Amino acid sequence: METVQTEAAPLLKRPALRLRGFGREFLETIVLIGAIYALVNLATVRFIVEGPSMQPNFHTGQVLMVSRVNYLLGNPERGQIVVFNPPNQPPDEPPYIKRVIGLPGDTIEIRDTLVYVNGQQLSEPYINEPCLPTNCRDQEWTLGANEYFMMGDNRNHSSDSRRFGVVSRDRIIGEALVRYWPPSDWGIVSTIRYPDNPFAAAP
């Protein structure tokens, strides 16, 4: 019986793996966390709600994450919640939070306590209660380029564009995206989008 002997292949030596020291990995992790934290701080700002002007949708003590990036890539839209510095604001006064009602080129009119945009009544399911005649007197504003009209959802308890006028684009800090404190109120900030018809039926 013929047999064939095979020669065993020589074992290849595995390349040595050098484990990085714990100290170096820990340092790299800290640097990575710091870089992410810095990036988030550049892109967003935290804002604490104060006062009743945006009730029932926002309340005092809630903390919001506000995106600076959104308006670097686009412009504010009607219905969005924005944080901004009002005109002629004292240096020590905090920013305001309001809803975008009027866009550049719009004519905003308050007539019989209702809001009209370019002659059509705006649908506003978000307001706290009907505005009283003493707080929503008949007025009209025509917005120029890069000008926006802001109003609080709690119309009877809000200092907004009815008082200080239109807000220029460069005074807008960003769009409110997330409500993250207190934990019980956590959630995405809903925006009233107007895909087709932003206006109510004529009264």
N, C-alpha and C. Protein backbone atom coordinates (compact mmCIF):
# COMPACT_ATOMS: atom_id res chain seq x y z
N MET A 1 0.87 -1.19 0.00
CA MET A 1 0.00 0.00 0.00
C MET A 1 0.89 1.22 0.00
N GLU A 2 0.59 2.04 -0.95
CA GLU A 2 1.42 3.24 -1.10
C GLU A 2 0.87 4.35 -0.23
N THR A 3 1.73 4.97 0.50
CA THR A 3 1.32 6.08 1.36
C THR A 3 2.07 7.33 0.97
N VAL A 4 1.45 8.44 1.26
CA VAL A 4 2.07 9.74 0.97
C VAL A 4 2.19 10.50 2.27
N GLN A 5 3.38 10.91 2.54
CA GLN A 5 3.59 11.70 3.75
C GLN A 5 3.56 13.18 3.40
N THR A 6 2.80 13.92 4.14
CA THR A 6 2.74 15.38 3.91
C THR A 6 3.51 16.08 5.00
N GLU A 7 4.17 17.09 4.56
CA GLU A 7 4.96 17.88 5.51
C GLU A 7 4.10 19.00 6.07
N ALA A 8 4.05 19.08 7.35
CA ALA A 8 3.22 20.11 7.99
C ALA A 8 3.74 21.50 7.64
N ALA A 9 2.80 22.36 7.29
CA ALA A 9 3.18 23.74 6.96
C ALA A 9 3.68 24.44 8.22
N PRO A 10 4.69 25.22 8.06
CA PRO A 10 5.22 25.93 9.24
C PRO A 10 4.19 26.92 9.78
N LEU A 11 4.10 26.99 11.09
CA LEU A 11 3.16 27.93 11.71
C LEU A 11 3.64 29.35 11.51
N LEU A 12 2.69 30.20 11.08
CA LEU A 12 3.02 31.60 10.89
C LEU A 12 2.89 32.33 12.21
N LYS A 13 3.81 33.14 12.47
CA LYS A 13 3.80 33.91 13.71
C LYS A 13 2.83 35.07 13.59
N ARG A 14 1.87 35.16 14.51
CA ARG A 14 0.91 36.24 14.49
C ARG A 14 1.59 37.57 14.83
N PRO A 15 1.14 38.61 14.12
CA PRO A 15 1.72 39.91 14.46
C PRO A 15 1.31 40.32 15.87
N ALA A 16 2.20 40.89 16.54
CA ALA A 16 1.92 41.31 17.91
C ALA A 16 0.99 42.51 17.91
N LEU A 17 -0.01 42.47 18.76
CA LEU A 17 -0.94 43.59 18.91
C LEU A 17 -0.56 44.36 20.16
N ARG A 18 -0.36 45.64 19.96
CA ARG A 18 0.01 46.47 21.11
C ARG A 18 -1.22 47.17 21.64
N LEU A 19 -1.57 46.86 22.81
CA LEU A 19 -2.74 47.49 23.42
C LEU A 19 -2.39 48.90 23.88
N ARG A 20 -3.31 49.84 23.51
CA ARG A 20 -3.07 51.21 23.96
C ARG A 20 -3.35 51.32 25.45
N GLY A 21 -2.59 52.14 26.07
CA GLY A 21 -2.75 52.31 27.50
C GLY A 21 -4.09 52.91 27.86
N PHE A 22 -4.58 52.57 29.04
CA PHE A 22 -5.87 53.08 29.52
C PHE A 22 -5.87 54.60 29.58
N GLY A 23 -4.74 55.17 30.00
CA GLY A 23 -4.66 56.62 30.14
C GLY A 23 -4.88 57.33 28.82
N ARG A 24 -4.28 56.77 27.75
CA ARG A 24 -4.43 57.41 26.44
C ARG A 24 -5.86 57.30 25.93
N GLU A 25 -6.49 56.13 26.10
CA GLU A 25 -7.87 55.95 25.66
C GLU A 25 -8.81 56.87 26.44
N PHE A 26 -8.57 56.99 27.72
CA PHE A 26 -9.40 57.86 28.54
C PHE A 26 -9.27 59.31 28.08
N LEU A 27 -8.05 59.74 27.78
CA LEU A 27 -7.82 61.11 27.32
C LEU A 27 -8.51 61.37 25.99
N GLU A 28 -8.41 60.38 25.06
CA GLU A 28 -9.06 60.54 23.76
C GLU A 28 -10.58 60.62 23.90
N THR A 29 -11.12 59.84 24.83
CA THR A 29 -12.57 59.88 25.06
C THR A 29 -12.99 61.24 25.59
N ILE A 30 -12.23 61.78 26.52
CA ILE A 30 -12.54 63.10 27.07
C ILE A 30 -12.47 64.17 25.99
N VAL A 31 -11.46 64.10 25.13
CA VAL A 31 -11.32 65.08 24.04
C VAL A 31 -12.50 64.98 23.08
N LEU A 32 -12.92 63.73 22.76
CA LEU A 32 -14.05 63.53 21.85
C LEU A 32 -15.33 64.10 22.45
N ILE A 33 -15.57 63.82 23.73
CA ILE A 33 -16.76 64.36 24.39
C ILE A 33 -16.73 65.88 24.41
N GLY A 34 -15.55 66.45 24.68
CA GLY A 34 -15.42 67.90 24.68
C GLY A 34 -15.70 68.50 23.31
N ALA A 35 -15.21 67.84 22.25
CA ALA A 35 -15.44 68.35 20.90
C ALA A 35 -16.92 68.30 20.54
N ILE A 36 -17.59 67.20 20.91
CA ILE A 36 -19.03 67.09 20.63
C ILE A 36 -19.80 68.15 21.41
N TYR A 37 -19.42 68.34 22.67
CA TYR A 37 -20.10 69.35 23.51
C TYR A 37 -19.93 70.75 22.92
N ALA A 38 -18.71 71.05 22.46
CA ALA A 38 -18.44 72.36 21.87
C ALA A 38 -19.25 72.55 20.60
N LEU A 39 -19.35 71.49 19.78
CA LEU A 39 -20.11 71.58 18.53
C LEU A 39 -21.59 71.82 18.81
N VAL A 40 -22.13 71.10 19.81
CA VAL A 40 -23.54 71.29 20.16
C VAL A 40 -23.78 72.70 20.67
N ASN A 41 -22.85 73.23 21.47
CA ASN A 41 -23.01 74.59 21.99
C ASN A 41 -22.93 75.64 20.89
N LEU A 42 -22.13 75.39 19.87
CA LEU A 42 -22.06 76.32 18.75
C LEU A 42 -23.34 76.30 17.92
N ALA A 43 -23.94 75.11 17.82
CA ALA A 43 -25.12 74.95 16.96
C ALA A 43 -26.41 75.30 17.68
N THR A 44 -26.41 75.24 19.02
CA THR A 44 -27.64 75.45 19.76
C THR A 44 -27.41 76.37 20.95
N VAL A 45 -28.50 76.84 21.52
CA VAL A 45 -28.44 77.62 22.74
C VAL A 45 -29.61 77.18 23.61
N ARG A 46 -29.43 77.19 24.94
CA ARG A 46 -30.51 76.83 25.86
C ARG A 46 -31.26 78.08 26.27
N PHE A 47 -32.56 77.93 26.39
CA PHE A 47 -33.41 79.08 26.72
C PHE A 47 -34.42 78.66 27.77
N ILE A 48 -34.50 79.42 28.86
CA ILE A 48 -35.46 79.15 29.93
C ILE A 48 -36.67 80.07 29.75
N VAL A 49 -37.83 79.48 29.67
CA VAL A 49 -39.06 80.24 29.48
C VAL A 49 -39.40 80.98 30.77
N GLU A 50 -39.71 82.25 30.62
CA GLU A 50 -40.14 83.06 31.76
C GLU A 50 -41.39 83.83 31.37
N GLY A 51 -42.39 83.79 32.23
CA GLY A 51 -43.60 84.55 31.98
C GLY A 51 -44.67 83.76 31.26
N PRO A 52 -45.89 84.34 31.18
CA PRO A 52 -47.05 83.62 30.64
C PRO A 52 -47.33 83.87 29.16
N SER A 53 -46.45 84.57 28.45
CA SER A 53 -46.79 85.05 27.11
C SER A 53 -47.02 83.96 26.08
N MET A 54 -46.49 82.74 26.32
CA MET A 54 -46.66 81.67 25.34
C MET A 54 -47.56 80.54 25.84
N GLN A 55 -48.27 80.78 26.94
CA GLN A 55 -49.25 79.78 27.38
C GLN A 55 -50.37 79.67 26.34
N PRO A 56 -50.93 78.48 26.15
CA PRO A 56 -50.79 77.25 26.95
C PRO A 56 -49.68 76.33 26.45
N ASN A 57 -48.88 76.76 25.48
CA ASN A 57 -47.91 75.86 24.86
C ASN A 57 -46.56 75.82 25.55
N PHE A 58 -46.21 76.90 26.28
CA PHE A 58 -44.96 76.95 27.03
C PHE A 58 -45.23 77.63 28.37
N HIS A 59 -44.51 77.15 29.39
CA HIS A 59 -44.73 77.67 30.74
C HIS A 59 -43.41 78.04 31.40
N THR A 60 -43.48 78.93 32.37
CA THR A 60 -42.30 79.37 33.10
C THR A 60 -41.53 78.17 33.67
N GLY A 61 -40.20 78.21 33.50
CA GLY A 61 -39.34 77.16 34.02
C GLY A 61 -38.98 76.08 33.03
N GLN A 62 -39.71 76.00 31.93
CA GLN A 62 -39.35 75.01 30.92
C GLN A 62 -38.07 75.44 30.21
N VAL A 63 -37.24 74.45 29.87
CA VAL A 63 -35.97 74.72 29.21
C VAL A 63 -36.04 74.19 27.78
N LEU A 64 -35.68 75.05 26.84
CA LEU A 64 -35.75 74.70 25.42
C LEU A 64 -34.36 74.65 24.81
N MET A 65 -34.21 73.76 23.82
CA MET A 65 -33.01 73.78 22.99
C MET A 65 -33.35 74.53 21.71
N VAL A 66 -32.60 75.57 21.45
CA VAL A 66 -32.87 76.45 20.31
C VAL A 66 -31.75 76.30 19.28
N SER A 67 -32.12 76.01 18.04
CA SER A 67 -31.13 75.78 16.99
C SER A 67 -30.71 77.08 16.33
N ARG A 68 -29.40 77.34 16.31
CA ARG A 68 -28.87 78.47 15.55
C ARG A 68 -28.72 78.11 14.07
N VAL A 69 -28.54 76.80 13.81
CA VAL A 69 -28.19 76.35 12.46
C VAL A 69 -29.35 76.50 11.49
N ASN A 70 -30.59 76.25 11.97
CA ASN A 70 -31.74 76.25 11.07
C ASN A 70 -31.81 77.51 10.21
N TYR A 71 -31.54 78.66 10.82
CA TYR A 71 -31.68 79.91 10.07
C TYR A 71 -30.39 80.34 9.40
N LEU A 72 -29.33 79.54 9.55
CA LEU A 72 -28.16 79.73 8.69
C LEU A 72 -28.40 79.09 7.34
N LEU A 73 -29.25 78.06 7.34
CA LEU A 73 -29.54 77.31 6.12
C LEU A 73 -30.85 77.74 5.47
N GLY A 74 -31.69 78.44 6.21
CA GLY A 74 -32.99 78.85 5.67
C GLY A 74 -33.52 80.04 6.44
N ASN A 75 -34.77 80.39 6.17
CA ASN A 75 -35.39 81.55 6.80
C ASN A 75 -36.55 81.12 7.69
N PRO A 76 -36.89 81.93 8.69
CA PRO A 76 -38.05 81.62 9.53
C PRO A 76 -39.31 81.49 8.69
N GLU A 77 -40.19 80.59 9.13
CA GLU A 77 -41.46 80.36 8.47
C GLU A 77 -42.61 80.71 9.41
N ARG A 78 -43.73 81.05 8.82
CA ARG A 78 -44.91 81.37 9.61
C ARG A 78 -45.31 80.17 10.48
N GLY A 79 -45.57 80.43 11.75
CA GLY A 79 -45.97 79.38 12.66
C GLY A 79 -44.85 78.83 13.51
N GLN A 80 -43.59 79.12 13.17
CA GLN A 80 -42.47 78.61 13.95
C GLN A 80 -42.31 79.39 15.26
N ILE A 81 -41.74 78.71 16.26
CA ILE A 81 -41.44 79.32 17.54
C ILE A 81 -39.98 79.77 17.51
N VAL A 82 -39.74 81.05 17.73
CA VAL A 82 -38.38 81.57 17.62
C VAL A 82 -37.99 82.34 18.88
N VAL A 83 -36.69 82.41 19.10
CA VAL A 83 -36.11 83.23 20.16
C VAL A 83 -35.35 84.36 19.50
N PHE A 84 -35.53 85.57 20.01
CA PHE A 84 -34.95 86.74 19.36
C PHE A 84 -34.74 87.86 20.37
N ASN A 85 -33.95 88.83 19.97
CA ASN A 85 -33.76 90.04 20.76
C ASN A 85 -34.66 91.13 20.17
N PRO A 86 -35.62 91.62 20.93
CA PRO A 86 -36.54 92.63 20.40
C PRO A 86 -35.82 93.95 20.12
N PRO A 87 -36.42 94.79 19.29
CA PRO A 87 -35.81 96.09 18.99
C PRO A 87 -35.64 96.93 20.25
N ASN A 88 -34.56 97.75 20.27
CA ASN A 88 -34.29 98.67 21.38
C ASN A 88 -34.26 97.97 22.73
N GLN A 89 -33.73 96.76 22.75
CA GLN A 89 -33.67 95.97 23.97
C GLN A 89 -32.52 96.43 24.87
N PRO A 90 -32.78 96.67 26.15
CA PRO A 90 -31.68 96.99 27.08
C PRO A 90 -30.68 95.84 27.14
N PRO A 91 -29.40 96.12 27.37
CA PRO A 91 -28.37 95.08 27.37
C PRO A 91 -28.61 93.95 28.36
N ASP A 92 -29.26 94.25 29.49
CA ASP A 92 -29.44 93.23 30.52
C ASP A 92 -30.75 92.47 30.39
N GLU A 93 -31.53 92.73 29.35
CA GLU A 93 -32.82 92.06 29.19
C GLU A 93 -32.65 90.76 28.41
N PRO A 94 -33.26 89.66 28.87
CA PRO A 94 -33.12 88.37 28.17
C PRO A 94 -33.89 88.37 26.86
N PRO A 95 -33.56 87.42 25.97
CA PRO A 95 -34.29 87.31 24.70
C PRO A 95 -35.76 86.96 24.93
N TYR A 96 -36.56 87.14 23.88
CA TYR A 96 -37.98 86.82 23.92
C TYR A 96 -38.22 85.54 23.13
N ILE A 97 -39.32 84.87 23.47
CA ILE A 97 -39.79 83.73 22.68
C ILE A 97 -41.20 84.03 22.20
N LYS A 98 -41.41 83.94 20.90
CA LYS A 98 -42.72 84.23 20.31
C LYS A 98 -42.93 83.35 19.08
N ARG A 99 -44.08 83.49 18.48
CA ARG A 99 -44.41 82.76 17.25
C ARG A 99 -44.33 83.71 16.05
N VAL A 100 -43.79 83.21 14.95
CA VAL A 100 -43.70 84.00 13.73
C VAL A 100 -45.09 84.10 13.10
N ILE A 101 -45.58 85.32 12.93
CA ILE A 101 -46.89 85.56 12.35
C ILE A 101 -46.77 86.17 10.95
N GLY A 102 -45.86 87.14 10.80
CA GLY A 102 -45.71 87.81 9.52
C GLY A 102 -44.32 87.64 8.94
N LEU A 103 -44.26 87.48 7.62
CA LEU A 103 -43.01 87.31 6.89
C LEU A 103 -42.69 88.55 6.07
N PRO A 104 -41.45 88.68 5.60
CA PRO A 104 -41.09 89.85 4.79
C PRO A 104 -42.07 90.09 3.64
N GLY A 105 -42.53 91.34 3.52
CA GLY A 105 -43.46 91.70 2.47
C GLY A 105 -44.92 91.60 2.85
N ASP A 106 -45.23 90.94 3.98
CA ASP A 106 -46.62 90.79 4.41
C ASP A 106 -47.18 92.11 4.95
N THR A 107 -48.48 92.22 4.86
CA THR A 107 -49.22 93.26 5.58
C THR A 107 -50.01 92.58 6.68
N ILE A 108 -49.71 92.93 7.93
CA ILE A 108 -50.38 92.33 9.08
C ILE A 108 -51.39 93.33 9.61
N GLU A 109 -52.60 92.86 9.82
CA GLU A 109 -53.66 93.73 10.31
C GLU A 109 -54.38 93.05 11.46
N ILE A 110 -54.63 93.81 12.51
CA ILE A 110 -55.52 93.35 13.57
C ILE A 110 -56.84 94.09 13.38
N ARG A 111 -57.87 93.30 13.19
CA ARG A 111 -59.19 93.88 12.92
C ARG A 111 -60.22 93.13 13.76
N ASP A 112 -60.93 93.85 14.61
CA ASP A 112 -61.92 93.22 15.50
C ASP A 112 -61.29 92.09 16.30
N THR A 113 -60.08 92.31 16.79
CA THR A 113 -59.27 91.41 17.62
C THR A 113 -58.70 90.21 16.87
N LEU A 114 -58.99 90.07 15.59
CA LEU A 114 -58.51 88.95 14.79
C LEU A 114 -57.31 89.38 13.95
N VAL A 115 -56.45 88.42 13.61
CA VAL A 115 -55.23 88.70 12.84
C VAL A 115 -55.47 88.39 11.37
N TYR A 116 -55.12 89.35 10.52
CA TYR A 116 -55.24 89.18 9.07
C TYR A 116 -53.86 89.34 8.45
N VAL A 117 -53.56 88.48 7.49
CA VAL A 117 -52.31 88.55 6.74
C VAL A 117 -52.66 88.77 5.28
N ASN A 118 -52.23 89.91 4.76
CA ASN A 118 -52.52 90.27 3.38
C ASN A 118 -54.02 90.19 3.08
N GLY A 119 -54.81 90.64 4.05
CA GLY A 119 -56.25 90.73 3.85
C GLY A 119 -57.03 89.48 4.20
N GLN A 120 -56.37 88.39 4.57
CA GLN A 120 -57.08 87.15 4.90
C GLN A 120 -56.86 86.80 6.37
N GLN A 121 -57.94 86.34 7.01
CA GLN A 121 -57.85 86.00 8.42
C GLN A 121 -56.96 84.78 8.60
N LEU A 122 -56.03 84.88 9.57
CA LEU A 122 -55.10 83.78 9.85
C LEU A 122 -55.75 82.76 10.78
N SER A 123 -55.62 81.49 10.44
CA SER A 123 -56.10 80.42 11.32
C SER A 123 -55.11 80.25 12.47
N GLU A 124 -55.60 80.36 13.71
CA GLU A 124 -54.71 80.32 14.87
C GLU A 124 -55.23 79.37 15.95
N PRO A 125 -55.05 78.06 15.75
CA PRO A 125 -55.54 77.10 16.75
C PRO A 125 -54.70 77.05 18.02
N TYR A 126 -53.57 77.76 18.03
CA TYR A 126 -52.62 77.67 19.13
C TYR A 126 -52.83 78.71 20.22
N ILE A 127 -53.66 79.72 20.00
CA ILE A 127 -53.75 80.80 20.98
C ILE A 127 -54.46 80.33 22.25
N ASN A 128 -54.14 80.99 23.36
CA ASN A 128 -54.66 80.60 24.66
C ASN A 128 -56.14 80.92 24.81
N GLU A 129 -56.53 82.09 24.35
CA GLU A 129 -57.90 82.55 24.49
C GLU A 129 -58.12 83.70 23.52
N PRO A 130 -59.36 84.03 23.20
CA PRO A 130 -59.61 85.17 22.32
C PRO A 130 -59.01 86.45 22.90
N CYS A 131 -58.47 87.26 22.02
CA CYS A 131 -57.85 88.50 22.47
C CYS A 131 -58.92 89.55 22.80
N LEU A 132 -58.69 90.27 23.89
CA LEU A 132 -59.63 91.31 24.28
C LEU A 132 -59.42 92.56 23.43
N PRO A 133 -60.47 93.32 23.19
CA PRO A 133 -60.33 94.53 22.37
C PRO A 133 -59.29 95.51 22.92
N THR A 134 -59.12 95.55 24.24
CA THR A 134 -58.13 96.48 24.81
C THR A 134 -56.70 96.04 24.50
N ASN A 135 -56.49 94.75 24.25
CA ASN A 135 -55.15 94.24 23.97
C ASN A 135 -54.89 94.04 22.48
N CYS A 136 -55.93 93.97 21.71
CA CYS A 136 -55.80 93.77 20.26
C CYS A 136 -56.57 94.86 19.53
N ARG A 137 -56.07 96.07 19.67
CA ARG A 137 -56.71 97.20 18.99
C ARG A 137 -56.46 97.12 17.49
N ASP A 138 -57.35 97.70 16.72
CA ASP A 138 -57.19 97.70 15.27
C ASP A 138 -55.90 98.43 14.89
N GLN A 139 -55.01 97.72 14.20
CA GLN A 139 -53.73 98.29 13.75
C GLN A 139 -53.30 97.59 12.46
N GLU A 140 -52.31 98.18 11.81
CA GLU A 140 -51.81 97.59 10.57
C GLU A 140 -50.31 97.85 10.44
N TRP A 141 -49.57 96.82 9.98
CA TRP A 141 -48.13 96.93 9.76
C TRP A 141 -47.80 96.34 8.39
N THR A 142 -46.93 97.00 7.66
CA THR A 142 -46.42 96.45 6.40
C THR A 142 -44.94 96.14 6.58
N LEU A 143 -44.57 94.90 6.38
CA LEU A 143 -43.21 94.45 6.65
C LEU A 143 -42.31 94.66 5.44
N GLY A 144 -41.11 95.14 5.71
CA GLY A 144 -40.12 95.31 4.66
C GLY A 144 -39.30 94.05 4.47
N ALA A 145 -38.26 94.15 3.65
CA ALA A 145 -37.35 93.03 3.45
C ALA A 145 -36.67 92.68 4.77
N ASN A 146 -36.56 91.38 5.06
CA ASN A 146 -35.89 90.90 6.27
C ASN A 146 -36.57 91.35 7.56
N GLU A 147 -37.88 91.58 7.52
CA GLU A 147 -38.62 91.95 8.72
C GLU A 147 -39.70 90.90 9.02
N TYR A 148 -39.88 90.65 10.33
CA TYR A 148 -40.83 89.63 10.77
C TYR A 148 -41.73 90.19 11.86
N PHE A 149 -42.94 89.65 11.93
CA PHE A 149 -43.91 90.07 12.94
C PHE A 149 -44.11 88.92 13.90
N MET A 150 -43.87 89.17 15.20
CA MET A 150 -43.93 88.14 16.23
C MET A 150 -45.08 88.40 17.19
N MET A 151 -45.75 87.32 17.60
CA MET A 151 -46.81 87.45 18.60
C MET A 151 -46.76 86.27 19.55
N GLY A 152 -47.13 86.52 20.83
CA GLY A 152 -47.24 85.45 21.80
C GLY A 152 -48.56 84.72 21.64
N ASP A 153 -48.58 83.46 22.06
CA ASP A 153 -49.82 82.67 21.97
C ASP A 153 -50.84 83.10 23.00
N ASN A 154 -50.38 83.71 24.09
CA ASN A 154 -51.28 84.22 25.13
C ASN A 154 -51.47 85.72 24.89
N ARG A 155 -52.30 86.05 23.92
CA ARG A 155 -52.39 87.41 23.39
C ARG A 155 -52.70 88.47 24.44
N ASN A 156 -53.43 88.10 25.47
CA ASN A 156 -53.80 89.09 26.49
C ASN A 156 -52.69 89.33 27.50
N HIS A 157 -51.61 88.55 27.42
CA HIS A 157 -50.50 88.68 28.38
C HIS A 157 -49.17 88.54 27.66
N SER A 158 -49.01 89.26 26.56
CA SER A 158 -47.78 89.14 25.78
C SER A 158 -47.32 90.50 25.28
N SER A 159 -46.04 90.77 25.50
CA SER A 159 -45.42 91.95 24.91
C SER A 159 -44.74 91.49 23.62
N ASP A 160 -45.24 91.93 22.49
CA ASP A 160 -44.74 91.42 21.21
C ASP A 160 -44.75 92.52 20.15
N SER A 161 -44.81 92.15 18.89
CA SER A 161 -44.70 93.14 17.82
C SER A 161 -45.84 94.15 17.82
N ARG A 162 -46.91 93.86 18.53
CA ARG A 162 -47.97 94.87 18.67
C ARG A 162 -47.45 96.08 19.43
N ARG A 163 -46.47 95.83 20.32
CA ARG A 163 -45.93 96.92 21.14
C ARG A 163 -44.62 97.46 20.58
N PHE A 164 -43.66 96.57 20.27
CA PHE A 164 -42.33 97.05 19.87
C PHE A 164 -42.09 97.02 18.37
N GLY A 165 -43.07 96.58 17.60
CA GLY A 165 -42.94 96.64 16.14
C GLY A 165 -42.28 95.40 15.55
N VAL A 166 -41.92 95.53 14.29
CA VAL A 166 -41.37 94.39 13.56
C VAL A 166 -39.96 94.06 14.06
N VAL A 167 -39.53 92.82 13.78
CA VAL A 167 -38.22 92.34 14.22
C VAL A 167 -37.38 92.05 12.98
N SER A 168 -36.19 92.64 12.92
CA SER A 168 -35.32 92.41 11.77
C SER A 168 -34.68 91.03 11.84
N ARG A 169 -34.34 90.51 10.69
CA ARG A 169 -33.80 89.14 10.57
C ARG A 169 -32.55 88.94 11.43
N ASP A 170 -31.71 89.97 11.54
CA ASP A 170 -30.45 89.81 12.26
C ASP A 170 -30.63 89.73 13.78
N ARG A 171 -31.84 89.97 14.27
CA ARG A 171 -32.09 89.90 15.72
C ARG A 171 -32.66 88.54 16.13
N ILE A 172 -32.90 87.68 15.16
CA ILE A 172 -33.45 86.35 15.46
C ILE A 172 -32.31 85.40 15.79
N ILE A 173 -32.38 84.79 16.97
CA ILE A 173 -31.32 83.89 17.45
C ILE A 173 -31.48 82.50 16.86
N GLY A 174 -32.68 81.96 16.88
CA GLY A 174 -32.88 80.62 16.35
C GLY A 174 -34.28 80.10 16.58
N GLU A 175 -34.49 78.86 16.13
CA GLU A 175 -35.80 78.21 16.23
C GLU A 175 -35.81 77.23 17.40
N ALA A 176 -36.87 77.27 18.21
CA ALA A 176 -37.02 76.32 19.31
C ALA A 176 -37.35 74.94 18.74
N LEU A 177 -36.54 73.94 19.15
CA LEU A 177 -36.72 72.59 18.60
C LEU A 177 -37.20 71.58 19.63
N VAL A 178 -36.59 71.62 20.84
CA VAL A 178 -36.86 70.58 21.83
C VAL A 178 -37.11 71.22 23.19
N ARG A 179 -38.13 70.73 23.88
CA ARG A 179 -38.37 71.09 25.27
C ARG A 179 -37.84 69.92 26.10
N TYR A 180 -36.80 70.15 26.92
CA TYR A 180 -36.20 69.02 27.61
C TYR A 180 -36.19 69.12 29.13
N TRP A 181 -36.75 70.17 29.69
CA TRP A 181 -36.88 70.26 31.14
C TRP A 181 -38.11 71.05 31.50
N PRO A 182 -38.85 70.58 32.51
CA PRO A 182 -38.65 69.37 33.32
C PRO A 182 -38.91 68.11 32.50
N PRO A 183 -38.39 66.96 32.97
CA PRO A 183 -38.53 65.72 32.20
C PRO A 183 -39.97 65.38 31.83
N SER A 184 -40.91 65.74 32.69
CA SER A 184 -42.31 65.43 32.40
C SER A 184 -42.84 66.19 31.19
N ASP A 185 -42.17 67.29 30.81
CA ASP A 185 -42.61 68.10 29.67
C ASP A 185 -41.77 67.85 28.42
N TRP A 186 -40.89 66.83 28.48
CA TRP A 186 -39.99 66.60 27.35
C TRP A 186 -40.77 66.36 26.07
N GLY A 187 -40.26 66.91 24.98
CA GLY A 187 -40.88 66.66 23.69
C GLY A 187 -40.36 67.59 22.61
N ILE A 188 -40.64 67.23 21.37
CA ILE A 188 -40.31 68.07 20.23
C ILE A 188 -41.27 69.25 20.20
N VAL A 189 -40.74 70.42 19.95
CA VAL A 189 -41.59 71.61 19.85
C VAL A 189 -42.35 71.55 18.54
N SER A 190 -43.64 71.49 18.64
CA SER A 190 -44.47 71.39 17.43
C SER A 190 -44.58 72.76 16.77
N THR A 191 -44.54 72.74 15.47
CA THR A 191 -44.66 73.96 14.68
C THR A 191 -45.94 73.90 13.87
N ILE A 192 -46.67 74.99 13.85
CA ILE A 192 -47.84 75.06 12.99
C ILE A 192 -47.36 75.23 11.56
N ARG A 193 -47.54 74.18 10.76
CA ARG A 193 -47.15 74.26 9.36
C ARG A 193 -48.37 74.59 8.51
N TYR A 194 -48.18 75.39 7.50
CA TYR A 194 -49.28 75.78 6.64
C TYR A 194 -48.99 75.28 5.21
N PRO A 195 -49.23 73.98 4.94
CA PRO A 195 -48.88 73.46 3.63
C PRO A 195 -49.73 74.01 2.50
N ASP A 196 -51.02 74.27 2.78
CA ASP A 196 -51.91 74.70 1.71
C ASP A 196 -52.54 76.06 2.01
N ASN A 197 -53.45 76.06 2.99
CA ASN A 197 -54.19 77.27 3.27
C ASN A 197 -54.01 77.66 4.74
N PRO A 198 -53.23 78.72 5.00
CA PRO A 198 -53.01 79.14 6.40
C PRO A 198 -54.13 80.00 6.94
N PHE A 199 -55.16 80.18 6.15
CA PHE A 199 -56.16 81.16 6.53
C PHE A 199 -57.49 80.52 6.88
N ALA A 200 -58.17 81.16 7.81
CA ALA A 200 -59.47 80.70 8.22
C ALA A 200 -60.52 81.12 7.20
N ALA A 201 -61.66 80.48 7.30
CA ALA A 201 -62.76 80.89 6.43
C ALA A 201 -63.18 82.31 6.81
N ALA A 202 -63.59 83.06 5.85
CA ALA A 202 -63.97 84.44 6.09
C ALA A 202 -65.15 84.47 7.07
N PRO A 203 -65.08 85.35 8.08
CA PRO A 203 -66.16 85.43 9.06
C PRO A 203 -67.43 85.98 8.44
